[in-house]
Amino acid sequence: MTHNLEEALGKVSGTHRVALHWFQEHQSEVVLWSVIQEFSKTQSRLANLAKGIYKPEYTDYALSVRVLQDG
């Protein structure tokens, strides 16, 4: 599985690659919103607070889905 992900990451660049790599590094973790906000300020936007599904304008695909514990 990791091999396929590495191959897929090799096909993207720039902001999209940075964001996908962040998700790879944090898979299976519960991440605080403040951590996501800080990364978004300095590297690449990962999610949107207003909507659960975030699709950046630079891609045709959703990048993230935000899930709330009580949502």
C-alpha atoms as a PDB file:
ATOM      1  CA  MET A   1       0.000   0.000   0.000  1.00  0.00           C
ATOM      2  CA  THR A   2       2.770   2.457   0.881  1.00  0.00           C
ATOM      3  CA  HIS A   3       4.478   1.746  -2.441  1.00  0.00           C
ATOM      4  CA  ASN A   4       1.318   2.745  -4.348  1.00  0.00           C
ATOM      5  CA  LEU A   5       0.989   5.918  -2.285  1.00  0.00           C
ATOM      6  CA  GLU A   6       4.603   6.864  -2.938  1.00  0.00           C
ATOM      7  CA  GLU A   7       4.033   6.291  -6.639  1.00  0.00           C
ATOM      8  CA  ALA A   8       0.929   8.503  -6.562  1.00  0.00           C
ATOM      9  CA  LEU A   9       2.758  11.239  -4.631  1.00  0.00           C
ATOM     10  CA  GLY A  10       5.425  11.176  -7.320  1.00  0.00           C
ATOM     11  CA  LYS A  11       2.813  12.253  -9.868  1.00  0.00           C
ATOM     12  CA  VAL A  12       1.862  15.471  -8.080  1.00  0.00           C
ATOM     13  CA  SER A  13       3.886  18.497  -7.142  1.00  0.00           C
ATOM     14  CA  GLY A  14       3.788  21.782  -5.281  1.00  0.00           C
ATOM     15  CA  THR A  15       1.043  22.552  -2.810  1.00  0.00           C
ATOM     16  CA  HIS A  16      -0.891  19.379  -3.571  1.00  0.00           C
ATOM     17  CA  ARG A  17       2.120  17.155  -2.868  1.00  0.00           C
ATOM     18  CA  VAL A  18       2.876  19.005   0.389  1.00  0.00           C
ATOM     19  CA  ALA A  19      -0.713  18.530   1.589  1.00  0.00           C
ATOM     20  CA  LEU A  20      -0.901  14.842   0.654  1.00  0.00           C
ATOM     21  CA  HIS A  21       2.445  14.175   2.300  1.00  0.00           C
ATOM     22  CA  TRP A  22       1.174  15.820   5.517  1.00  0.00           C
ATOM     23  CA  PHE A  23      -1.837  13.503   5.516  1.00  0.00           C
ATOM     24  CA  GLN A  24       0.430  10.503   4.940  1.00  0.00           C
ATOM     25  CA  GLU A  25       2.593  11.462   7.920  1.00  0.00           C
ATOM     26  CA  HIS A  26      -0.453  11.908  10.189  1.00  0.00           C
ATOM     27  CA  GLN A  27      -2.559   8.935   9.139  1.00  0.00           C
ATOM     28  CA  SER A  28      -4.523   7.271  11.941  1.00  0.00           C
ATOM     29  CA  GLU A  29      -3.988  10.267  14.251  1.00  0.00           C
ATOM     30  CA  VAL A  30      -6.515  12.578  15.843  1.00  0.00           C
ATOM     31  CA  VAL A  31      -5.232  16.054  14.965  1.00  0.00           C
ATOM     32  CA  LEU A  32      -6.274  19.253  16.707  1.00  0.00           C
ATOM     33  CA  TRP A  33      -7.750  21.995  14.535  1.00  0.00           C
ATOM     34  CA  SER A  34      -5.060  24.382  15.812  1.00  0.00           C
ATOM     35  CA  VAL A  35      -2.340  22.100  14.379  1.00  0.00           C
ATOM     36  CA  ILE A  36      -4.081  22.044  10.992  1.00  0.00           C
ATOM     37  CA  GLN A  37      -4.466  25.827  11.052  1.00  0.00           C
ATOM     38  CA  GLU A  38      -0.788  26.355  11.829  1.00  0.00           C
ATOM     39  CA  PHE A  39       0.329  24.082   8.999  1.00  0.00           C
ATOM     40  CA  SER A  40      -2.094  25.835   6.643  1.00  0.00           C
ATOM     41  CA  LYS A  41      -0.583  29.221   7.511  1.00  0.00           C
ATOM     42  CA  THR A  42       2.983  28.145   6.782  1.00  0.00           C
ATOM     43  CA  GLN A  43       2.742  25.358   4.174  1.00  0.00           C
ATOM     44  CA  SER A  44      -0.487  24.319   2.490  1.00  0.00           C
ATOM     45  CA  ARG A  45      -4.167  24.616   3.326  1.00  0.00           C
ATOM     46  CA  LEU A  46      -5.498  21.252   4.422  1.00  0.00           C
ATOM     47  CA  ALA A  47      -9.152  21.806   5.299  1.00  0.00           C
ATOM     48  CA  ASN A  48     -11.984  24.286   5.424  1.00  0.00           C
ATOM     49  CA  LEU A  49     -13.715  25.109   8.700  1.00  0.00           C
ATOM     50  CA  ALA A  50     -16.968  26.220   7.048  1.00  0.00           C
ATOM     51  CA  LYS A  51     -17.611  22.990   5.128  1.00  0.00           C
ATOM     52  CA  GLY A  52     -16.770  19.383   5.841  1.00  0.00           C
ATOM     53  CA  ILE A  53     -15.348  18.630   2.389  1.00  0.00           C
ATOM     54  CA  TYR A  54     -12.406  20.713   1.193  1.00  0.00           C
ATOM     55  CA  LYS A  55     -11.605  20.801  -2.530  1.00  0.00           C
ATOM     56  CA  PRO A  56      -8.848  23.247  -3.415  1.00  0.00           C
ATOM     57  CA  GLU A  57      -9.269  25.236  -6.623  1.00  0.00           C
ATOM     58  CA  TYR A  58      -6.035  23.778  -8.028  1.00  0.00           C
ATOM     59  CA  THR A  59      -7.442  20.225  -8.282  1.00  0.00           C
ATOM     60  CA  ASP A  60     -10.552  18.384  -9.441  1.00  0.00           C
ATOM     61  CA  TYR A  61     -10.510  16.200  -6.340  1.00  0.00           C
ATOM     62  CA  ALA A  62     -11.386  16.678  -2.682  1.00  0.00           C
ATOM     63  CA  LEU A  63      -8.324  16.935  -0.459  1.00  0.00           C
ATOM     64  CA  SER A  64      -9.944  16.373   2.932  1.00  0.00           C
ATOM     65  CA  VAL A  65     -13.143  15.623   4.803  1.00  0.00           C
ATOM     66  CA  ARG A  66     -13.500  17.105   8.285  1.00  0.00           C
ATOM     67  CA  VAL A  67     -15.347  14.995  10.843  1.00  0.00           C
ATOM     68  CA  LEU A  68     -16.557  16.337  14.181  1.00  0.00           C
ATOM     69  CA  GLN A  69     -16.942  14.022  17.160  1.00  0.00           C
ATOM     70  CA  ASP A  70     -20.448  15.240  17.907  1.00  0.00           C
ATOM     71  CA  GLY A  71     -21.297  16.214  14.315  1.00  0.00           C
END
